[in-house]
Amino acid sequence: MNPSDAGIHDRVVIMGLLKEVAQSHSLDTSHKDFKVVVLTEVDRLTKDAQHALRRTMELYTGTCRLILVCNSTSKLIPAIKSRCLAVRVPAPTIDEVRNTLCNE
């Protein structure tokens, strides 16, 4: 999901989406799995939305795992950066892109 598409209402989208996903029941109740939510362009969220995200992350750590995707970690508030494991992924090379496109 790309919550920054919501513009100035991104805080409401973050809080509502994560709350809904975290509180929904899993289809398979035989074992406890975590729900995974992927949020893209997190660095484009407003500061209010980032603070809401931090609070929501803390509330639902027992049921959800978040994958936060961003282009620049310098635009994230320190409270979010400190609660995440950063995994840097380099851009693909031209050959990798060409091979992927040609193999499709």
PDB file of N, CA and C in Angstrom:
ATOM      1  N   MET A   1       0.839  -1.182   0.000  1.00  0.00           N
ATOM      2  CA  MET A   1       0.000   0.000   0.000  1.00  0.00           C
ATOM      3  C   MET A   1       0.880   1.240   0.000  1.00  0.00           C
ATOM      4  N   ASN A   2       0.419   2.259  -0.635  1.00  0.00           N
ATOM      5  CA  ASN A   2       1.140   3.517  -0.686  1.00  0.00           C
ATOM      6  C   ASN A   2       0.309   4.587   0.020  1.00  0.00           C
ATOM      7  N   PRO A   3       0.492   4.757   1.337  1.00  0.00           N
ATOM      8  CA  PRO A   3      -0.332   5.704   2.084  1.00  0.00           C
ATOM      9  C   PRO A   3      -0.080   7.154   1.728  1.00  0.00           C
ATOM     10  N   SER A   4       1.057   7.452   1.112  1.00  0.00           N
ATOM     11  CA  SER A   4       1.306   8.845   0.749  1.00  0.00           C
ATOM     12  C   SER A   4       0.367   9.319  -0.356  1.00  0.00           C
ATOM     13  N   ASP A   5      -0.306   8.389  -1.033  1.00  0.00           N
ATOM     14  CA  ASP A   5      -1.299   8.768  -2.042  1.00  0.00           C
ATOM     15  C   ASP A   5      -2.486   9.489  -1.413  1.00  0.00           C
ATOM     16  N   ALA A   6      -2.669   9.336  -0.108  1.00  0.00           N
ATOM     17  CA  ALA A   6      -3.794   9.965   0.580  1.00  0.00           C
ATOM     18  C   ALA A   6      -3.551  11.448   0.849  1.00  0.00           C
ATOM     19  N   GLY A   7      -2.369  11.941   0.520  1.00  0.00           N
ATOM     20  CA  GLY A   7      -2.072  13.360   0.711  1.00  0.00           C
ATOM     21  C   GLY A   7      -2.075  13.746   2.179  1.00  0.00           C
ATOM     22  N   ILE A   8      -2.773  14.828   2.501  1.00  0.00           N
ATOM     23  CA  ILE A   8      -2.762  15.324   3.875  1.00  0.00           C
ATOM     24  C   ILE A   8      -3.535  14.422   4.841  1.00  0.00           C
ATOM     25  N   HIS A   9      -4.245  13.450   4.312  1.00  0.00           N
ATOM     26  CA  HIS A   9      -5.001  12.527   5.157  1.00  0.00           C
ATOM     27  C   HIS A   9      -4.233  11.234   5.424  1.00  0.00           C
ATOM     28  N   ASP A  10      -2.928  11.234   5.184  1.00  0.00           N
ATOM     29  CA  ASP A  10      -2.143  10.012   5.306  1.00  0.00           C
ATOM     30  C   ASP A  10      -2.121   9.467   6.735  1.00  0.00           C
ATOM     31  N   ARG A  11      -2.223  10.340   7.727  1.00  0.00           N
ATOM     32  CA  ARG A  11      -2.241   9.889   9.125  1.00  0.00           C
ATOM     33  C   ARG A  11      -3.465   9.012   9.386  1.00  0.00           C
ATOM     34  N   VAL A  12      -4.609   9.425   8.885  1.00  0.00           N
ATOM     35  CA  VAL A  12      -5.850   8.674   9.064  1.00  0.00           C
ATOM     36  C   VAL A  12      -5.767   7.326   8.345  1.00  0.00           C
ATOM     37  N   VAL A  13      -5.182   7.321   7.152  1.00  0.00           N
ATOM     38  CA  VAL A  13      -5.038   6.083   6.382  1.00  0.00           C
ATOM     39  C   VAL A  13      -4.147   5.102   7.132  1.00  0.00           C
ATOM     40  N   ILE A  14      -3.020   5.577   7.639  1.00  0.00           N
ATOM     41  CA  ILE A  14      -2.090   4.712   8.384  1.00  0.00           C
ATOM     42  C   ILE A  14      -2.784   4.095   9.584  1.00  0.00           C
ATOM     43  N   MET A  15      -3.389   4.925  10.398  1.00  0.00           N
ATOM     44  CA  MET A  15      -4.023   4.432  11.621  1.00  0.00           C
ATOM     45  C   MET A  15      -5.167   3.475  11.300  1.00  0.00           C
ATOM     46  N   GLY A  16      -6.004   3.833  10.348  1.00  0.00           N
ATOM     47  CA  GLY A  16      -7.154   3.001  10.002  1.00  0.00           C
ATOM     48  C   GLY A  16      -6.760   1.676   9.387  1.00  0.00           C
ATOM     49  N   LEU A  17      -5.843   1.716   8.445  1.00  0.00           N
ATOM     50  CA  LEU A  17      -5.423   0.493   7.760  1.00  0.00           C
ATOM     51  C   LEU A  17      -4.776  -0.494   8.723  1.00  0.00           C
ATOM     52  N   LEU A  18      -3.797  -0.029   9.463  1.00  0.00           N
ATOM     53  CA  LEU A  18      -3.086  -0.943  10.356  1.00  0.00           C
ATOM     54  C   LEU A  18      -3.992  -1.470  11.468  1.00  0.00           C
ATOM     55  N   LYS A  19      -4.867  -0.640  11.975  1.00  0.00           N
ATOM     56  CA  LYS A  19      -5.796  -1.087  13.000  1.00  0.00           C
ATOM     57  C   LYS A  19      -6.722  -2.161  12.446  1.00  0.00           C
ATOM     58  N   GLU A  20      -7.232  -1.945  11.243  1.00  0.00           N
ATOM     59  CA  GLU A  20      -8.135  -2.921  10.625  1.00  0.00           C
ATOM     60  C   GLU A  20      -7.429  -4.249  10.367  1.00  0.00           C
ATOM     61  N   VAL A  21      -6.234  -4.201   9.823  1.00  0.00           N
ATOM     62  CA  VAL A  21      -5.487  -5.425   9.529  1.00  0.00           C
ATOM     63  C   VAL A  21      -5.122  -6.151  10.822  1.00  0.00           C
ATOM     64  N   ALA A  22      -4.636  -5.419  11.796  1.00  0.00           N
ATOM     65  CA  ALA A  22      -4.189  -6.029  13.047  1.00  0.00           C
ATOM     66  C   ALA A  22      -5.335  -6.665  13.826  1.00  0.00           C
ATOM     67  N   GLN A  23      -6.507  -6.077  13.763  1.00  0.00           N
ATOM     68  CA  GLN A  23      -7.626  -6.586  14.549  1.00  0.00           C
ATOM     69  C   GLN A  23      -8.439  -7.638  13.808  1.00  0.00           C
ATOM     70  N   SER A  24      -8.187  -7.823  12.509  1.00  0.00           N
ATOM     71  CA  SER A  24      -8.942  -8.830  11.771  1.00  0.00           C
ATOM     72  C   SER A  24      -8.459 -10.225  12.147  1.00  0.00           C
ATOM     73  N   HIS A  25      -9.346 -11.177  12.073  1.00  0.00           N
ATOM     74  CA  HIS A  25      -9.014 -12.545  12.441  1.00  0.00           C
ATOM     75  C   HIS A  25      -8.400 -13.274  11.257  1.00  0.00           C
ATOM     76  N   SER A  26      -7.448 -14.116  11.549  1.00  0.00           N
ATOM     77  CA  SER A  26      -6.791 -14.910  10.522  1.00  0.00           C
ATOM     78  C   SER A  26      -7.720 -16.022  10.064  1.00  0.00           C
ATOM     79  N   LEU A  27      -7.602 -16.401   8.797  1.00  0.00           N
ATOM     80  CA  LEU A  27      -8.426 -17.485   8.276  1.00  0.00           C
ATOM     81  C   LEU A  27      -7.987 -18.831   8.845  1.00  0.00           C
ATOM     82  N   ASP A  28      -6.707 -18.992   9.106  1.00  0.00           N
ATOM     83  CA  ASP A  28      -6.168 -20.244   9.643  1.00  0.00           C
ATOM     84  C   ASP A  28      -5.863 -20.040  11.121  1.00  0.00           C
ATOM     85  N   THR A  29      -6.675 -20.613  11.981  1.00  0.00           N
ATOM     86  CA  THR A  29      -6.497 -20.429  13.422  1.00  0.00           C
ATOM     87  C   THR A  29      -5.724 -21.575  14.070  1.00  0.00           C
ATOM     88  N   SER A  30      -5.176 -22.495  13.262  1.00  0.00           N
ATOM     89  CA  SER A  30      -4.457 -23.634  13.832  1.00  0.00           C
ATOM     90  C   SER A  30      -3.112 -23.237  14.428  1.00  0.00           C
ATOM     91  N   HIS A  31      -2.524 -22.155  13.960  1.00  0.00           N
ATOM     92  CA  HIS A  31      -1.281 -21.658  14.540  1.00  0.00           C
ATOM     93  C   HIS A  31      -1.248 -20.142  14.383  1.00  0.00           C
ATOM     94  N   LYS A  32      -0.456 -19.503  15.230  1.00  0.00           N
ATOM     95  CA  LYS A  32      -0.426 -18.039  15.230  1.00  0.00           C
ATOM     96  C   LYS A  32       0.586 -17.528  14.211  1.00  0.00           C
ATOM     97  N   ASP A  33       0.089 -16.862  13.223  1.00  0.00           N
ATOM     98  CA  ASP A  33       0.938 -16.227  12.224  1.00  0.00           C
ATOM     99  C   ASP A  33       0.828 -14.716  12.378  1.00  0.00           C
ATOM    100  N   PHE A  34       1.832 -14.038  11.897  1.00  0.00           N
ATOM    101  CA  PHE A  34       1.795 -12.587  11.872  1.00  0.00           C
ATOM    102  C   PHE A  34       1.229 -12.134  10.535  1.00  0.00           C
ATOM    103  N   LYS A  35       0.493 -11.065  10.578  1.00  0.00           N
ATOM    104  CA  LYS A  35       0.037 -10.444   9.341  1.00  0.00           C
ATOM    105  C   LYS A  35       1.170  -9.530   8.886  1.00  0.00           C
ATOM    106  N   VAL A  36       1.386  -9.477   7.595  1.00  0.00           N
ATOM    107  CA  VAL A  36       2.460  -8.655   7.041  1.00  0.00           C
ATOM    108  C   VAL A  36       1.841  -7.543   6.208  1.00  0.00           C
ATOM    109  N   VAL A  37       2.252  -6.317   6.495  1.00  0.00           N
ATOM    110  CA  VAL A  37       1.774  -5.154   5.752  1.00  0.00           C
ATOM    111  C   VAL A  37       2.998  -4.476   5.147  1.00  0.00           C
ATOM    112  N   VAL A  38       2.947  -4.231   3.835  1.00  0.00           N
ATOM    113  CA  VAL A  38       4.029  -3.536   3.146  1.00  0.00           C
ATOM    114  C   VAL A  38       3.560  -2.115   2.844  1.00  0.00           C
ATOM    115  N   LEU A  39       4.285  -1.151   3.377  1.00  0.00           N
ATOM    116  CA  LEU A  39       3.976   0.258   3.134  1.00  0.00           C
ATOM    117  C   LEU A  39       5.099   0.845   2.288  1.00  0.00           C
ATOM    118  N   THR A  40       4.753   1.401   1.144  1.00  0.00           N
ATOM    119  CA  THR A  40       5.761   1.992   0.264  1.00  0.00           C
ATOM    120  C   THR A  40       5.786   3.507   0.432  1.00  0.00           C
ATOM    121  N   GLU A  41       6.866   4.096   0.013  1.00  0.00           N
ATOM    122  CA  GLU A  41       7.062   5.545   0.065  1.00  0.00           C
ATOM    123  C   GLU A  41       6.808   6.107   1.461  1.00  0.00           C
ATOM    124  N   VAL A  42       7.270   5.408   2.466  1.00  0.00           N
ATOM    125  CA  VAL A  42       7.077   5.842   3.843  1.00  0.00           C
ATOM    126  C   VAL A  42       7.777   7.175   4.090  1.00  0.00           C
ATOM    127  N   ASP A  43       8.856   7.439   3.373  1.00  0.00           N
ATOM    128  CA  ASP A  43       9.577   8.695   3.537  1.00  0.00           C
ATOM    129  C   ASP A  43       8.781   9.897   3.023  1.00  0.00           C
ATOM    130  N   ARG A  44       7.718   9.657   2.297  1.00  0.00           N
ATOM    131  CA  ARG A  44       6.871  10.753   1.801  1.00  0.00           C
ATOM    132  C   ARG A  44       5.700  11.056   2.730  1.00  0.00           C
ATOM    133  N   LEU A  45       5.565  10.301   3.821  1.00  0.00           N
ATOM    134  CA  LEU A  45       4.493  10.562   4.777  1.00  0.00           C
ATOM    135  C   LEU A  45       4.782  11.855   5.542  1.00  0.00           C
ATOM    136  N   THR A  46       3.724  12.524   5.949  1.00  0.00           N
ATOM    137  CA  THR A  46       3.899  13.709   6.780  1.00  0.00           C
ATOM    138  C   THR A  46       4.451  13.288   8.142  1.00  0.00           C
ATOM    139  N   LYS A  47       4.985  14.250   8.868  1.00  0.00           N
ATOM    140  CA  LYS A  47       5.525  13.954  10.210  1.00  0.00           C
ATOM    141  C   LYS A  47       4.416  13.430  11.124  1.00  0.00           C
ATOM    142  N   ASP A  48       3.207  13.987  11.024  1.00  0.00           N
ATOM    143  CA  ASP A  48       2.086  13.503  11.836  1.00  0.00           C
ATOM    144  C   ASP A  48       1.782  12.042  11.530  1.00  0.00           C
ATOM    145  N   ALA A  49       1.803  11.691  10.248  1.00  0.00           N
ATOM    146  CA  ALA A  49       1.538  10.305   9.859  1.00  0.00           C
ATOM    147  C   ALA A  49       2.652   9.381  10.340  1.00  0.00           C
ATOM    148  N   GLN A  50       3.888   9.848  10.305  1.00  0.00           N
ATOM    149  CA  GLN A  50       4.996   9.034  10.803  1.00  0.00           C
ATOM    150  C   GLN A  50       4.877   8.799  12.309  1.00  0.00           C
ATOM    151  N   HIS A  51       4.457   9.807  13.041  1.00  0.00           N
ATOM    152  CA  HIS A  51       4.244   9.621  14.487  1.00  0.00           C
ATOM    153  C   HIS A  51       3.085   8.650  14.738  1.00  0.00           C
ATOM    154  N   ALA A  52       2.034   8.749  13.947  1.00  0.00           N
ATOM    155  CA  ALA A  52       0.914   7.817  14.071  1.00  0.00           C
ATOM    156  C   ALA A  52       1.369   6.399  13.738  1.00  0.00           C
ATOM    157  N   LEU A  53       2.212   6.271  12.727  1.00  0.00           N
ATOM    158  CA  LEU A  53       2.757   4.968  12.353  1.00  0.00           C
ATOM    159  C   LEU A  53       3.562   4.378  13.496  1.00  0.00           C
ATOM    160  N   ARG A  54       4.389   5.185  14.134  1.00  0.00           N
ATOM    161  CA  ARG A  54       5.183   4.714  15.262  1.00  0.00           C
ATOM    162  C   ARG A  54       4.289   4.210  16.389  1.00  0.00           C
ATOM    163  N   ARG A  55       3.269   4.957  16.736  1.00  0.00           N
ATOM    164  CA  ARG A  55       2.355   4.545  17.805  1.00  0.00           C
ATOM    165  C   ARG A  55       1.626   3.251  17.421  1.00  0.00           C
ATOM    166  N   THR A  56       1.203   3.171  16.179  1.00  0.00           N
ATOM    167  CA  THR A  56       0.485   1.997  15.709  1.00  0.00           C
ATOM    168  C   THR A  56       1.399   0.776  15.661  1.00  0.00           C
ATOM    169  N   MET A  57       2.659   0.983  15.261  1.00  0.00           N
ATOM    170  CA  MET A  57       3.637  -0.112  15.256  1.00  0.00           C
ATOM    171  C   MET A  57       3.767  -0.708  16.656  1.00  0.00           C
ATOM    172  N   GLU A  58       3.829   0.149  17.649  1.00  0.00           N
ATOM    173  CA  GLU A  58       3.996  -0.310  19.031  1.00  0.00           C
ATOM    174  C   GLU A  58       2.763  -1.059  19.524  1.00  0.00           C
ATOM    175  N   LEU A  59       1.587  -0.610  19.136  1.00  0.00           N
ATOM    176  CA  LEU A  59       0.353  -1.245  19.590  1.00  0.00           C
ATOM    177  C   LEU A  59       0.177  -2.658  19.044  1.00  0.00           C
ATOM    178  N   TYR A  60       0.590  -2.879  17.799  1.00  0.00           N
ATOM    179  CA  TYR A  60       0.270  -4.129  17.128  1.00  0.00           C
ATOM    180  C   TYR A  60       1.482  -5.005  16.819  1.00  0.00           C
ATOM    181  N   THR A  61       2.551  -4.871  17.587  1.00  0.00           N
ATOM    182  CA  THR A  61       3.728  -5.713  17.347  1.00  0.00           C
ATOM    183  C   THR A  61       3.432  -7.187  17.604  1.00  0.00           C
ATOM    184  N   GLY A  62       2.431  -7.489  18.375  1.00  0.00           N
ATOM    185  CA  GLY A  62       2.092  -8.872  18.655  1.00  0.00           C
ATOM    186  C   GLY A  62       1.397  -9.585  17.517  1.00  0.00           C
ATOM    187  N   THR A  63       0.774  -8.830  16.606  1.00  0.00           N
ATOM    188  CA  THR A  63       0.005  -9.462  15.530  1.00  0.00           C
ATOM    189  C   THR A  63       0.470  -9.093  14.128  1.00  0.00           C
ATOM    190  N   CYS A  64       1.227  -8.028  13.994  1.00  0.00           N
ATOM    191  CA  CYS A  64       1.618  -7.548  12.664  1.00  0.00           C
ATOM    192  C   CYS A  64       3.126  -7.358  12.537  1.00  0.00           C
ATOM    193  N   ARG A  65       3.586  -7.536  11.325  1.00  0.00           N
ATOM    194  CA  ARG A  65       4.949  -7.188  10.951  1.00  0.00           C
ATOM    195  C   ARG A  65       4.836  -6.239   9.772  1.00  0.00           C
ATOM    196  N   LEU A  66       5.598  -5.148   9.850  1.00  0.00           N
ATOM    197  CA  LEU A  66       5.543  -4.143   8.800  1.00  0.00           C
ATOM    198  C   LEU A  66       6.832  -4.156   7.993  1.00  0.00           C
ATOM    199  N   ILE A  67       6.682  -4.028   6.701  1.00  0.00           N
ATOM    200  CA  ILE A  67       7.821  -3.821   5.818  1.00  0.00           C
ATOM    201  C   ILE A  67       7.657  -2.402   5.295  1.00  0.00           C
ATOM    202  N   LEU A  68       8.568  -1.541   5.683  1.00  0.00           N
ATOM    203  CA  LEU A  68       8.513  -0.141   5.286  1.00  0.00           C
ATOM    204  C   LEU A  68       9.505   0.080   4.157  1.00  0.00           C
ATOM    205  N   VAL A  69       9.029   0.593   3.047  1.00  0.00           N
ATOM    206  CA  VAL A  69       9.868   0.831   1.884  1.00  0.00           C
ATOM    207  C   VAL A  69      10.010   2.336   1.699  1.00  0.00           C
ATOM    208  N   CYS A  70      11.256   2.785   1.544  1.00  0.00           N
ATOM    209  CA  CYS A  70      11.476   4.210   1.319  1.00  0.00           C
ATOM    210  C   CYS A  70      12.699   4.412   0.442  1.00  0.00           C
ATOM    211  N   ASN A  71      12.798   5.584  -0.125  1.00  0.00           N
ATOM    212  CA  ASN A  71      13.949   5.935  -0.950  1.00  0.00           C
ATOM    213  C   ASN A  71      15.021   6.644  -0.146  1.00  0.00           C
ATOM    214  N   SER A  72      14.623   7.308   0.934  1.00  0.00           N
ATOM    215  CA  SER A  72      15.571   8.088   1.717  1.00  0.00           C
ATOM    216  C   SER A  72      15.252   7.954   3.209  1.00  0.00           C
ATOM    217  N   THR A  73      16.136   7.306   3.944  1.00  0.00           N
ATOM    218  CA  THR A  73      15.904   7.161   5.384  1.00  0.00           C
ATOM    219  C   THR A  73      16.093   8.476   6.125  1.00  0.00           C
ATOM    220  N   SER A  74      16.733   9.434   5.493  1.00  0.00           N
ATOM    221  CA  SER A  74      16.945  10.722   6.162  1.00  0.00           C
ATOM    222  C   SER A  74      15.637  11.485   6.362  1.00  0.00           C
ATOM    223  N   LYS A  75      14.591  11.109   5.632  1.00  0.00           N
ATOM    224  CA  LYS A  75      13.299  11.780   5.770  1.00  0.00           C
ATOM    225  C   LYS A  75      12.398  11.111   6.798  1.00  0.00           C
ATOM    226  N   LEU A  76      12.877  10.036   7.414  1.00  0.00           N
ATOM    227  CA  LEU A  76      12.100   9.347   8.446  1.00  0.00           C
ATOM    228  C   LEU A  76      12.430   9.929   9.809  1.00  0.00           C
ATOM    229  N   ILE A  77      11.429   9.974  10.681  1.00  0.00           N
ATOM    230  CA  ILE A  77      11.684  10.461  12.027  1.00  0.00           C
ATOM    231  C   ILE A  77      12.544   9.431  12.771  1.00  0.00           C
ATOM    232  N   PRO A  78      13.391   9.882  13.682  1.00  0.00           N
ATOM    233  CA  PRO A  78      14.277   8.959  14.406  1.00  0.00           C
ATOM    234  C   PRO A  78      13.530   7.842  15.141  1.00  0.00           C
ATOM    235  N   ALA A  79      12.331   8.127  15.615  1.00  0.00           N
ATOM    236  CA  ALA A  79      11.564   7.115  16.354  1.00  0.00           C
ATOM    237  C   ALA A  79      11.210   5.917  15.477  1.00  0.00           C
ATOM    238  N   ILE A  80      10.986   6.125  14.207  1.00  0.00           N
ATOM    239  CA  ILE A  80      10.700   5.006  13.296  1.00  0.00           C
ATOM    240  C   ILE A  80      11.989   4.282  12.955  1.00  0.00           C
ATOM    241  N   LYS A  81      13.039   5.042  12.641  1.00  0.00           N
ATOM    242  CA  LYS A  81      14.314   4.414  12.289  1.00  0.00           C
ATOM    243  C   LYS A  81      14.835   3.525  13.415  1.00  0.00           C
ATOM    244  N   SER A  82      14.631   3.947  14.646  1.00  0.00           N
ATOM    245  CA  SER A  82      15.159   3.167  15.770  1.00  0.00           C
ATOM    246  C   SER A  82      14.376   1.877  16.006  1.00  0.00           C
ATOM    247  N   ARG A  83      13.189   1.767  15.461  1.00  0.00           N
ATOM    248  CA  ARG A  83      12.354   0.579  15.659  1.00  0.00           C
ATOM    249  C   ARG A  83      12.402  -0.387  14.478  1.00  0.00           C
ATOM    250  N   CYS A  84      13.262  -0.098  13.513  1.00  0.00           N
ATOM    251  CA  CYS A  84      13.315  -0.901  12.300  1.00  0.00           C
ATOM    252  C   CYS A  84      14.705  -1.480  12.063  1.00  0.00           C
ATOM    253  N   LEU A  85      14.726  -2.558  11.335  1.00  0.00           N
ATOM    254  CA  LEU A  85      15.968  -3.142  10.845  1.00  0.00           C
ATOM    255  C   LEU A  85      16.122  -2.667   9.407  1.00  0.00           C
ATOM    256  N   ALA A  86      17.157  -1.888   9.154  1.00  0.00           N
ATOM    257  CA  ALA A  86      17.359  -1.340   7.816  1.00  0.00           C
ATOM    258  C   ALA A  86      18.029  -2.372   6.918  1.00  0.00           C
ATOM    259  N   VAL A  87      17.427  -2.580   5.766  1.00  0.00           N
ATOM    260  CA  VAL A  87      17.991  -3.467   4.749  1.00  0.00           C
ATOM    261  C   VAL A  87      18.108  -2.636   3.475  1.00  0.00           C
ATOM    262  N   ARG A  88      19.321  -2.332   3.103  1.00  0.00           N
ATOM    263  CA  ARG A  88      19.541  -1.518   1.893  1.00  0.00           C
ATOM    264  C   ARG A  88      19.578  -2.437   0.676  1.00  0.00           C
ATOM    265  N   VAL A  89      18.804  -2.066  -0.317  1.00  0.00           N
ATOM    266  CA  VAL A  89      18.727  -2.849  -1.546  1.00  0.00           C
ATOM    267  C   VAL A  89      19.202  -1.953  -2.690  1.00  0.00           C
ATOM    268  N   PRO A  90      20.307  -2.324  -3.325  1.00  0.00           N
ATOM    269  CA  PRO A  90      20.806  -1.477  -4.419  1.00  0.00           C
ATOM    270  C   PRO A  90      19.898  -1.565  -5.642  1.00  0.00           C
ATOM    271  N   ALA A  91      19.954  -0.545  -6.459  1.00  0.00           N
ATOM    272  CA  ALA A  91      19.188  -0.545  -7.711  1.00  0.00           C
ATOM    273  C   ALA A  91      19.742  -1.636  -8.619  1.00  0.00           C
ATOM    274  N   PRO A  92      18.871  -2.270  -9.402  1.00  0.00           N
ATOM    275  CA  PRO A  92      19.359  -3.318 -10.314  1.00  0.00           C
ATOM    276  C   PRO A  92      20.232  -2.710 -11.410  1.00  0.00           C
ATOM    277  N   THR A  93      21.151  -3.512 -11.897  1.00  0.00           N
ATOM    278  CA  THR A  93      21.988  -3.063 -13.008  1.00  0.00           C
ATOM    279  C   THR A  93      21.174  -3.117 -14.297  1.00  0.00           C
ATOM    280  N   ILE A  94      21.698  -2.498 -15.325  1.00  0.00           N
ATOM    281  CA  ILE A  94      21.010  -2.508 -16.624  1.00  0.00           C
ATOM    282  C   ILE A  94      20.890  -3.938 -17.135  1.00  0.00           C
ATOM    283  N   ASP A  95      21.929  -4.744 -16.943  1.00  0.00           N
ATOM    284  CA  ASP A  95      21.876  -6.140 -17.387  1.00  0.00           C
ATOM    285  C   ASP A  95      20.796  -6.925 -16.629  1.00  0.00           C
ATOM    286  N   GLU A  96      20.657  -6.684 -15.345  1.00  0.00           N
ATOM    287  CA  GLU A  96      19.624  -7.377 -14.565  1.00  0.00           C
ATOM    288  C   GLU A  96      18.232  -6.994 -15.049  1.00  0.00           C
ATOM    289  N   VAL A  97      18.027  -5.735 -15.342  1.00  0.00           N
ATOM    290  CA  VAL A  97      16.732  -5.286 -15.851  1.00  0.00           C
ATOM    291  C   VAL A  97      16.473  -5.915 -17.213  1.00  0.00           C
ATOM    292  N   ARG A  98      17.471  -5.887 -18.082  1.00  0.00           N
ATOM    293  CA  ARG A  98      17.332  -6.446 -19.428  1.00  0.00           C
ATOM    294  C   ARG A  98      17.000  -7.949 -19.346  1.00  0.00           C
ATOM    295  N   ASN A  99      17.722  -8.685 -18.509  1.00  0.00           N
ATOM    296  CA  ASN A  99      17.479 -10.118 -18.370  1.00  0.00           C
ATOM    297  C   ASN A  99      16.080 -10.404 -17.847  1.00  0.00           C
ATOM    298  N   THR A 100      15.623  -9.612 -16.906  1.00  0.00           N
ATOM    299  CA  THR A 100      14.284  -9.804 -16.353  1.00  0.00           C
ATOM    300  C   THR A 100      13.215  -9.531 -17.399  1.00  0.00           C
ATOM    301  N   LEU A 101      13.380  -8.459 -18.137  1.00  0.00           N
ATOM    302  CA  LEU A 101      12.393  -8.099 -19.159  1.00  0.00           C
ATOM    303  C   LEU A 101      12.384  -9.076 -20.323  1.00  0.00           C
ATOM    304  N   CYS A 102      13.560  -9.562 -20.694  1.00  0.00           N
ATOM    305  CA  CYS A 102      13.658 -10.478 -21.838  1.00  0.00           C
ATOM    306  C   CYS A 102      13.182 -11.874 -21.489  1.00  0.00           C
ATOM    307  N   ASN A 103      13.221 -12.248 -20.220  1.00  0.00           N
ATOM    308  CA  ASN A 103      12.803 -13.593 -19.802  1.00  0.00           C
ATOM    309  C   ASN A 103      11.306 -13.681 -19.552  1.00  0.00           C
ATOM    310  N   GLU A 104      10.607 -12.581 -19.603  1.00  0.00           N
ATOM    311  CA  GLU A 104       9.172 -12.584 -19.322  1.00  0.00           C
ATOM    312  C   GLU A 104       8.384 -13.024 -20.505  1.00  0.00           C
TER     313      GLU A 104
END
